[in-house]
């Protein structure tokens, strides 16, 4: 039986990355436009969702006459004045086991891991505890309009089972993996090269490609994996050519120096992963703040991606990402909240901090560029642009309804916006979870604001 739903309101999505040579235009059919528009915006738009996928979108005045038969048969138009409909957000790097330790005080990366992270992650040996945190974690994602995420578990296979089971119930698109870690960590959190291989392989066979779930091979970072374990991760990537690689890269100066000591024959940090066969199209590296030109070139040539995590980078004092440098090198970049060093599940808060990180380096992050990275750009970073990221016909219907009157300040400020670019910047700067009135996954409402 066909299921059709129609949503009316202001609608915005991206067709490709915004840049100076392909500006966004409000009318995609404008004959004066010399390039494909970066985004499409309808002040009074209509989004049609059929059987969990996008059927059509466009100006309401043009599409409504085409729906005469469906309207006569009882199709109800769900109308949302003073709302903006966006594709669901894509979080390219987050740790669900660290949900309980957000806001842990006073340390930079390496001491922070030992002081807070490792003790917290030991709790996930208990499957019941993992299930409890997984349920809360997913509810927070949806409350913030995030419909796709790439997620770290812990070293315990049961942590991944709990997360995938909960995500499956919501029909979410989720990429996750068990941490591989065989040195420089508490013994209770260490596996071995052999057990990390066998446990990861079993999880891939159990979960990868089931419904909307996909697996990421997940060495925490080079410091906590021996060369043997990294090689085992590479072996898994060669055996399952459509799984992901998810790890950390060049986040902190002390981390980079320690990696150089542990792997003296590597040209640089990224070369450690490259030697193990871990740098490819579905490789996503969190942070990438302190990279050489050669590392940027290698990322681009292998079509790998960086997850930019500004709230975490500022919170831990790790450094300021040079986004322009990565973009000029042709590196794909998505946004990550990096809970729990990151201080918010909200991609709006993440975009706000990303803007400030560039301001501190004398650059402006355009509002549309930031929103692109949170939607279609994130989908491209995860090699999922054929399925999610915008409202192209046939894609999975993951989207959010933003209430522009969610707070008195938003209502007042958005009323004075002169165009869609200004509106987006205001939302990027002032927005948070209160903006999200509803979140949809595969066309089904999975969160509604109280």
Protein backbone atom coordinates (compact mmCIF):
# COMPACT_ATOMS: atom_id res chain seq x y z
CA UNK A 1 0.00 0.00 0.00
CA UNK A 2 1.38 3.39 -0.99
CA UNK A 3 1.91 5.90 1.80
CA UNK A 4 2.02 9.56 0.74
CA UNK A 5 2.55 12.58 3.01
CA UNK A 6 2.92 16.25 2.15
CA UNK A 7 4.71 18.93 4.18
CA UNK A 8 4.32 22.61 3.39
CA UNK A 9 6.58 25.39 4.61
CA UNK A 10 9.87 27.08 3.79
CA UNK A 11 12.27 24.45 2.41
CA UNK A 12 16.05 24.59 1.92
CA UNK A 13 18.52 21.97 0.70
CA UNK A 14 21.86 21.78 -1.10
CA UNK A 15 22.75 20.43 -4.52
CA UNK A 16 26.52 20.75 -4.09
CA UNK A 17 29.11 22.61 -2.04
CA UNK A 18 28.66 26.40 -2.01
CA UNK A 19 31.53 28.37 -3.51
CA UNK A 20 32.20 31.65 -5.24
CA UNK A 21 31.64 30.33 -8.76
CA UNK A 22 28.34 28.58 -8.10
CA UNK A 23 26.23 30.81 -5.88
CA UNK A 24 22.89 29.71 -4.50
CA UNK A 25 19.81 31.12 -6.17
CA UNK A 26 16.21 31.01 -5.06
CA UNK A 27 14.94 29.95 -8.46
CA UNK A 28 16.75 26.87 -9.83
CA UNK A 29 15.28 27.53 -13.29
CA UNK A 30 16.60 31.08 -13.51
CA UNK A 31 17.93 31.42 -17.08
CA UNK A 32 20.43 34.08 -15.98
CA UNK A 33 22.24 31.63 -13.72
CA UNK A 34 25.49 30.47 -15.31
CA UNK A 35 26.10 27.58 -12.91
CA UNK A 36 24.12 24.90 -11.17
CA UNK A 37 22.86 26.48 -7.94
CA UNK A 38 24.52 25.33 -4.76
CA UNK A 39 21.20 25.35 -2.94
CA UNK A 40 17.48 25.54 -3.60
CA UNK A 41 15.14 27.52 -1.38
CA UNK A 42 11.38 27.89 -1.49
CA UNK A 43 9.73 30.35 0.87
CA UNK A 44 6.47 28.44 0.39
CA UNK A 45 7.56 24.97 -0.58
CA UNK A 46 6.02 21.51 -0.65
CA UNK A 47 7.84 18.27 0.19
CA UNK A 48 6.20 15.02 -0.89
CA UNK A 49 7.24 11.82 0.89
CA UNK A 50 6.15 8.44 -0.43
CA UNK A 51 6.93 5.14 1.29
CA UNK A 52 9.73 6.69 3.31
CA UNK A 53 11.49 8.34 0.34
CA UNK A 54 11.40 11.73 -1.34
CA UNK A 55 8.94 11.81 -4.20
CA UNK A 56 9.07 15.47 -5.17
CA UNK A 57 9.62 18.98 -3.88
CA UNK A 58 9.13 22.46 -5.22
CA UNK A 59 7.02 25.56 -4.97
CA UNK A 60 3.67 24.84 -3.32
CA UNK A 61 1.73 26.89 -5.87
CA UNK A 62 3.11 24.71 -8.67
CA UNK A 63 2.82 21.31 -7.00
CA UNK A 64 -0.58 21.60 -5.34
CA UNK A 65 -2.55 21.55 -8.64
CA UNK A 66 -0.75 18.31 -9.53
CA UNK A 67 -2.11 16.68 -6.36
CA UNK A 68 -5.80 17.12 -7.17
CA UNK A 69 -6.48 13.38 -7.27
CA UNK A 70 -4.60 12.65 -4.03
CA UNK A 71 -6.28 15.58 -2.28
CA UNK A 72 -9.68 14.33 -3.39
CA UNK A 73 -8.81 10.94 -1.90
CA UNK A 74 -8.02 12.48 1.47
CA UNK A 75 -4.36 13.52 1.35
CA UNK A 76 -3.84 16.12 4.08
CA UNK A 77 -1.29 18.87 3.60
CA UNK A 78 0.67 19.31 6.84
CA UNK A 79 1.27 23.06 6.81
CA UNK A 80 4.01 24.64 8.94
CA UNK A 81 4.04 28.45 8.80
CA UNK A 82 7.09 30.12 10.44
CA UNK A 83 9.04 26.87 10.01
CA UNK A 84 12.01 25.80 7.89
CA UNK A 85 12.27 22.24 6.58
CA UNK A 86 15.85 20.95 6.32
CA UNK A 87 17.41 17.57 5.57
CA UNK A 88 18.33 15.65 8.71
CA UNK A 89 21.70 16.53 10.18
CA UNK A 90 24.73 14.27 9.69
CA UNK A 91 27.16 13.92 12.62
CA UNK A 92 30.42 12.49 11.28
CA UNK A 93 32.12 11.84 14.64
CA UNK A 94 30.67 11.13 18.09
CA UNK A 95 31.29 8.78 21.06
CA UNK A 96 28.09 7.39 22.57
CA UNK A 97 29.79 5.90 25.67
CA UNK A 98 31.00 9.38 26.65
CA UNK A 99 27.48 10.79 26.96
CA UNK A 100 27.61 10.72 30.76
CA UNK A 101 30.93 12.62 30.96
CA UNK A 102 30.15 15.72 28.88
CA UNK A 103 31.63 18.73 30.62
CA UNK A 104 34.51 16.88 32.34
CA UNK A 105 36.76 19.63 33.70
CA UNK A 106 40.31 20.71 33.35
CA UNK A 107 42.34 18.45 31.08
CA UNK A 108 43.74 18.30 27.56
CA UNK A 109 43.44 15.24 25.35
CA UNK A 110 45.82 12.62 26.73
CA UNK A 111 45.21 13.33 30.43
CA UNK A 112 41.49 13.72 29.70
CA UNK A 113 41.40 10.19 28.25
CA UNK A 114 43.09 8.69 31.31
CA UNK A 115 41.19 10.77 33.86
CA UNK A 116 37.66 10.56 32.48
CA UNK A 117 37.23 8.52 29.30
CA UNK A 118 38.81 5.21 30.15
CA UNK A 119 37.10 4.83 33.56
CA UNK A 120 33.73 5.68 31.98
CA UNK A 121 34.12 3.25 29.10
CA UNK A 122 34.84 0.34 31.44
CA UNK A 123 31.18 0.45 32.50
CA UNK A 124 30.15 -0.80 29.05
CA UNK A 125 31.23 -4.33 29.88
CA UNK A 126 27.70 -4.46 31.35
CA UNK A 127 25.20 -4.99 28.46
CA UNK A 128 22.30 -3.55 30.46
CA UNK A 129 24.22 -0.35 31.08
CA UNK A 130 25.16 -0.11 27.41
CA UNK A 131 21.49 -0.47 26.44
CA UNK A 132 20.48 2.27 28.87
CA UNK A 133 23.02 4.76 27.55
CA UNK A 134 22.37 3.83 23.91
CA UNK A 135 18.66 4.63 24.30
CA UNK A 136 19.39 8.00 25.90
CA UNK A 137 22.08 8.80 23.31
CA UNK A 138 19.80 8.17 20.34
CA UNK A 139 17.01 10.21 21.90
CA UNK A 140 19.45 13.12 22.20
CA UNK A 141 20.50 12.80 18.57
CA UNK A 142 16.89 12.93 17.40
CA UNK A 143 16.04 15.80 19.75
CA UNK A 144 18.77 17.75 17.97
CA UNK A 145 17.64 16.86 14.45
CA UNK A 146 20.48 14.41 13.77
CA UNK A 147 19.33 11.45 11.68
CA UNK A 148 22.68 9.96 10.63
CA UNK A 149 25.78 9.57 12.79
CA UNK A 150 29.17 7.86 12.75
CA UNK A 151 29.69 6.57 16.27
CA UNK A 152 32.43 5.13 18.46
CA UNK A 153 31.48 2.29 20.79
CA UNK A 154 33.88 0.87 23.39
CA UNK A 155 36.21 -2.11 23.19
CA UNK A 156 33.29 -4.30 24.27
CA UNK A 157 31.30 -5.94 21.44
CA UNK A 158 28.16 -5.65 23.55
CA UNK A 159 28.43 -1.86 23.38
CA UNK A 160 27.96 -2.06 19.60
CA UNK A 161 25.17 -4.61 19.86
CA UNK A 162 23.27 -2.31 22.22
CA UNK A 163 23.66 0.74 19.97
CA UNK A 164 22.73 -1.02 16.73
CA UNK A 165 19.72 -2.70 18.35
CA UNK A 166 18.39 0.65 19.58
CA UNK A 167 19.04 2.38 16.24
CA UNK A 168 17.28 -0.41 14.37
CA UNK A 169 14.13 0.17 16.40
CA UNK A 170 14.04 3.82 15.26
CA UNK A 171 14.87 3.01 11.63
CA UNK A 172 17.95 5.24 11.79
CA UNK A 173 20.93 5.31 9.48
CA UNK A 174 23.88 4.67 11.77
CA UNK A 175 27.53 3.76 11.30
CA UNK A 176 29.32 2.39 14.35
CA UNK A 177 32.08 0.09 15.50
CA UNK A 178 33.85 -1.57 18.39
CA UNK A 179 37.03 0.16 19.53
CA UNK A 180 40.27 -1.69 18.76
CA UNK A 181 42.87 -0.92 21.43
CA UNK A 182 45.73 -3.19 22.50
CA UNK A 183 48.24 -0.91 24.26
CA UNK A 184 48.70 2.33 26.23
CA UNK A 185 45.32 1.93 27.91
CA UNK A 186 43.95 0.18 31.02
CA UNK A 187 44.10 -3.61 30.76
CA UNK A 188 40.33 -3.80 31.26
CA UNK A 189 39.90 -1.89 27.99
CA UNK A 190 42.52 -3.69 25.93
CA UNK A 191 41.93 -6.43 23.40
CA UNK A 192 44.62 -7.99 21.24
CA UNK A 193 45.35 -7.83 17.55
CA UNK A 194 43.77 -11.27 17.14
CA UNK A 195 40.68 -10.75 19.32
CA UNK A 196 40.03 -7.31 17.83
CA UNK A 197 40.03 -8.95 14.40
CA UNK A 198 37.72 -11.82 15.34
CA UNK A 199 35.29 -9.71 17.38
CA UNK A 200 35.11 -7.02 14.70
CA UNK A 201 34.58 -9.58 11.98
CA UNK A 202 31.71 -11.14 13.92
CA UNK A 203 30.08 -7.73 14.42
CA UNK A 204 30.41 -6.90 10.71
CA UNK A 205 28.75 -10.17 9.78
CA UNK A 206 25.98 -9.57 12.32
CA UNK A 207 25.17 -5.92 11.61
CA UNK A 208 26.70 -4.43 8.46
CA UNK A 209 24.04 -3.78 5.83
CA UNK A 210 21.15 -4.76 8.09
CA UNK A 211 18.34 -2.25 7.53
CA UNK A 212 20.11 1.15 7.61
CA UNK A 213 23.05 0.05 9.77
CA UNK A 214 26.66 0.03 8.60
CA UNK A 215 29.90 -0.92 10.28
CA UNK A 216 33.07 1.11 10.88
CA UNK A 217 36.35 -0.57 11.76
CA UNK A 218 37.41 1.54 14.72
CA UNK A 219 40.97 1.67 16.07
CA UNK A 220 40.83 4.47 18.66
CA UNK A 221 44.02 6.09 17.39
CA UNK A 222 47.57 5.09 16.53
CA UNK A 223 48.79 5.50 20.11
CA UNK A 224 46.53 2.74 21.44
CA UNK A 225 46.98 0.27 18.57
CA UNK A 226 50.12 -1.74 17.86
CA UNK A 227 51.31 -2.06 14.27
CA UNK A 228 49.97 -5.62 14.34
CA UNK A 229 46.50 -4.43 15.30
CA UNK A 230 46.47 -1.71 12.65
CA UNK A 231 47.46 -4.30 10.08
CA UNK A 232 44.58 -6.49 11.24
CA UNK A 233 42.25 -3.52 10.76
CA UNK A 234 43.61 -3.18 7.23
CA UNK A 235 43.01 -6.88 6.64
CA UNK A 236 39.37 -6.43 7.62
CA UNK A 237 39.02 -3.48 5.24
CA UNK A 238 40.36 -5.60 2.41
CA UNK A 239 37.95 -8.44 3.25
CA UNK A 240 34.86 -6.20 3.48
CA UNK A 241 35.22 -3.55 0.81
CA UNK A 242 32.13 -1.51 1.74
CA UNK A 243 32.72 -1.04 5.47
CA UNK A 244 34.20 2.14 6.96
CA UNK A 245 37.36 3.11 8.81
CA UNK A 246 36.81 5.52 11.70
CA UNK A 247 39.62 6.85 13.90
CA UNK A 248 41.37 9.97 15.18
CA UNK A 249 44.13 11.96 13.51
CA UNK A 250 46.40 14.83 14.54
CA UNK A 251 44.15 16.27 17.23
CA UNK A 252 46.74 17.39 19.79
CA UNK A 253 50.43 18.37 19.64
CA UNK A 254 51.47 15.89 22.35
CA UNK A 255 49.54 13.13 20.57
CA UNK A 256 51.31 13.87 17.28
CA UNK A 257 54.71 13.80 19.00
CA UNK A 258 53.95 10.48 20.70
CA UNK A 259 52.84 8.91 17.41
CA UNK A 260 56.17 9.98 15.90
CA UNK A 261 58.00 8.16 18.72
CA UNK A 262 55.88 5.01 18.38
CA UNK A 263 56.16 4.83 14.57
CA UNK A 264 59.61 6.27 13.72
CA UNK A 265 59.63 4.92 10.15
CA UNK A 266 56.37 6.64 9.17
CA UNK A 267 56.64 9.88 7.19
CA UNK A 268 53.92 11.44 9.34
CA UNK A 269 50.84 10.57 11.38
CA UNK A 270 48.60 9.77 8.41
CA UNK A 271 51.30 7.55 6.93
CA UNK A 272 50.93 5.25 9.97
CA UNK A 273 47.39 4.52 8.81
CA UNK A 274 48.33 4.46 5.14
CA UNK A 275 50.99 1.80 5.71
CA UNK A 276 48.31 -0.40 7.28
CA UNK A 277 45.94 0.10 4.35
CA UNK A 278 43.52 2.29 6.29
CA UNK A 279 43.26 5.38 4.08
CA UNK A 280 40.52 5.17 1.47
CA UNK A 281 37.19 6.48 0.26
CA UNK A 282 35.28 5.36 3.35
CA UNK A 283 37.96 6.43 5.83
CA UNK A 284 36.85 9.19 8.20
CA UNK A 285 39.47 10.82 10.41
CA UNK A 286 38.33 12.95 13.33
CA UNK A 287 40.00 16.33 13.84
CA UNK A 288 43.01 16.59 11.49
CA UNK A 289 44.08 19.90 13.04
CA UNK A 290 47.86 19.49 12.88
CA UNK A 291 48.49 18.11 9.38
CA UNK A 292 51.32 18.59 6.92
CA UNK A 293 50.75 19.54 3.31
CA UNK A 294 51.62 15.96 2.34
CA UNK A 295 48.94 14.61 4.66
CA UNK A 296 46.33 16.93 3.15
CA UNK A 297 47.32 15.81 -0.34
CA UNK A 298 47.16 12.15 0.66
CA UNK A 299 43.71 12.55 2.18
CA UNK A 300 42.46 14.18 -1.01
CA UNK A 301 44.07 11.68 -3.37
CA UNK A 302 42.56 8.75 -1.44
CA UNK A 303 39.14 10.48 -1.20
CA UNK A 304 39.21 10.21 2.60
CA UNK A 305 37.37 12.65 4.87
CA UNK A 306 37.99 14.81 7.93
CA UNK A 307 35.37 15.21 10.65
CA UNK A 308 35.73 18.77 11.97
CA UNK A 309 34.84 18.89 15.68
CA UNK A 310 35.13 22.53 16.79
CA UNK A 311 33.37 22.34 20.16
CA UNK A 312 35.70 19.52 21.20
CA UNK A 313 38.81 21.21 19.81
CA UNK A 314 38.07 24.37 21.79
CA UNK A 315 37.01 22.53 24.95
CA UNK A 316 40.22 20.46 25.11
CA UNK A 317 42.43 23.30 23.84
CA UNK A 318 43.56 21.11 20.95
CA UNK A 319 43.89 23.84 18.31
CA UNK A 320 42.16 25.60 15.43
CA UNK A 321 41.39 23.71 12.22
CA UNK A 322 42.49 25.51 9.03
CA UNK A 323 39.37 24.69 7.04
CA UNK A 324 40.43 26.72 3.99
CA UNK A 325 43.61 24.69 3.68
CA UNK A 326 41.70 21.40 3.64
CA UNK A 327 39.17 22.74 1.15
CA UNK A 328 41.90 24.05 -1.17
CA UNK A 329 43.53 20.63 -1.04
CA UNK A 330 40.24 19.00 -2.06
CA UNK A 331 39.61 17.15 1.21
CA UNK A 332 36.03 16.23 2.09
CA UNK A 333 34.99 17.75 5.44
CA UNK A 334 31.95 17.01 7.58
CA UNK A 335 31.02 18.21 11.06
CA UNK A 336 31.20 16.18 14.25
CA UNK A 337 29.96 16.96 17.73
CA UNK A 338 32.55 14.62 19.30
CA UNK A 339 30.55 13.99 22.45
CA UNK A 340 31.85 13.88 25.20
CA UNK A 341 34.81 16.26 24.64
CA UNK A 342 32.31 18.14 22.50
CA UNK A 343 29.91 20.08 24.66
CA UNK A 344 26.63 19.74 22.74
CA UNK A 345 24.72 17.22 20.63
CA UNK A 346 23.47 20.13 18.53
CA UNK A 347 24.90 20.66 15.04
CA UNK A 348 23.73 24.26 15.40
CA UNK A 349 26.07 24.74 18.36
CA UNK A 350 28.77 22.98 16.33
CA UNK A 351 28.28 25.37 13.38
CA UNK A 352 28.45 28.32 15.76
CA UNK A 353 31.79 27.17 17.14
CA UNK A 354 33.08 26.33 13.65
CA UNK A 355 32.42 29.94 12.67
CA UNK A 356 34.40 31.20 15.67
CA UNK A 357 37.32 28.85 14.95
CA UNK A 358 37.67 30.39 11.49
CA UNK A 359 37.21 33.92 12.84
CA UNK A 360 40.16 33.37 15.17
CA UNK A 361 42.26 32.68 12.06
CA UNK A 362 41.05 35.73 10.15
CA UNK A 363 38.61 33.83 7.93
CA UNK A 364 34.85 33.87 7.52
CA UNK A 365 32.91 30.60 7.40
CA UNK A 366 29.91 31.39 5.20
CA UNK A 367 26.60 30.34 6.76
CA UNK A 368 25.62 28.21 3.77
CA UNK A 369 29.00 26.47 3.83
CA UNK A 370 28.50 25.52 7.47
CA UNK A 371 24.97 24.22 6.88
CA UNK A 372 26.17 22.31 3.83
CA UNK A 373 28.78 20.52 5.98
CA UNK A 374 26.04 19.56 8.44
CA UNK A 375 23.84 18.04 5.72
CA UNK A 376 24.95 17.13 2.20
CA UNK A 377 28.64 17.70 2.98
CA UNK A 378 28.41 15.28 5.88
CA UNK A 379 26.67 12.76 3.65
CA UNK A 380 29.49 13.06 1.11
CA UNK A 381 32.10 12.65 3.84
CA UNK A 382 30.39 9.36 4.72
CA UNK A 383 29.98 8.30 1.06
CA UNK A 384 26.20 8.42 1.52
CA UNK A 385 25.21 11.27 -0.80
CA UNK A 386 23.28 8.84 -3.01
CA UNK A 387 20.98 8.03 -0.08
CA UNK A 388 20.76 11.07 2.22
CA UNK A 389 21.84 14.70 2.57
CA UNK A 390 19.25 16.53 0.47
CA UNK A 391 15.75 16.21 -0.95
CA UNK A 392 16.59 14.76 -4.35
CA UNK A 393 13.85 12.43 -5.62
CA UNK A 394 14.31 8.86 -4.45
CA UNK A 395 16.47 9.64 -1.43
CA UNK A 396 15.58 8.51 2.06
CA UNK A 397 13.22 10.96 3.73
CA UNK A 398 15.25 12.09 6.73
CA UNK A 399 14.37 15.66 7.64
CA UNK A 400 13.69 18.12 10.42
CA UNK A 401 11.11 20.84 11.03
CA UNK A 402 12.65 23.97 12.55
CA UNK A 403 10.38 26.28 14.52
CA UNK A 404 11.61 29.82 13.81
CA UNK A 405 9.52 31.04 16.76
CA UNK A 406 11.03 28.52 19.18
CA UNK A 407 12.28 31.26 21.51
CA UNK A 408 11.31 34.92 21.88
CA UNK A 409 14.74 35.98 20.63
CA UNK A 410 14.58 33.73 17.55
CA UNK A 411 11.09 34.98 16.73
CA UNK A 412 12.22 38.59 17.03
CA UNK A 413 15.54 38.17 15.20
CA UNK A 414 14.35 36.00 12.31
CA UNK A 415 11.58 38.51 11.55
CA UNK A 416 14.33 40.99 10.64
CA UNK A 417 16.29 38.72 8.29
CA UNK A 418 16.53 40.13 4.77
CA UNK A 419 17.28 36.89 2.91
CA UNK A 420 17.83 33.17 3.37
CA UNK A 421 21.60 33.55 3.91
CA UNK A 422 21.05 35.91 6.83
CA UNK A 423 18.38 33.61 8.26
CA UNK A 424 20.71 30.61 8.10
CA UNK A 425 23.50 32.53 9.83
CA UNK A 426 21.13 33.57 12.61
CA UNK A 427 20.05 29.96 13.08
CA UNK A 428 23.68 28.76 12.99
CA UNK A 429 24.57 31.33 15.64
CA UNK A 430 21.54 31.28 17.94
CA UNK A 431 20.04 27.85 17.32
CA UNK A 432 20.06 24.78 19.53
CA UNK A 433 17.80 21.81 20.29
CA UNK A 434 14.84 24.11 20.96
CA UNK A 435 14.63 24.83 17.23
CA UNK A 436 13.80 21.20 16.43
CA UNK A 437 10.05 20.71 16.49
CA UNK A 438 10.02 17.33 14.73
CA UNK A 439 12.57 14.89 13.38
CA UNK A 440 11.74 12.33 10.68
CA UNK A 441 13.62 9.18 9.68
CA UNK A 442 12.52 7.37 6.52
CA UNK A 443 9.42 9.54 6.52
CA UNK A 444 8.38 8.53 10.03
CA UNK A 445 8.28 11.03 12.91
CA UNK A 446 10.81 9.78 15.46
CA UNK A 447 10.93 12.88 17.66
CA UNK A 448 8.38 15.55 18.52
CA UNK A 449 9.18 18.41 20.87
CA UNK A 450 7.13 18.43 24.06
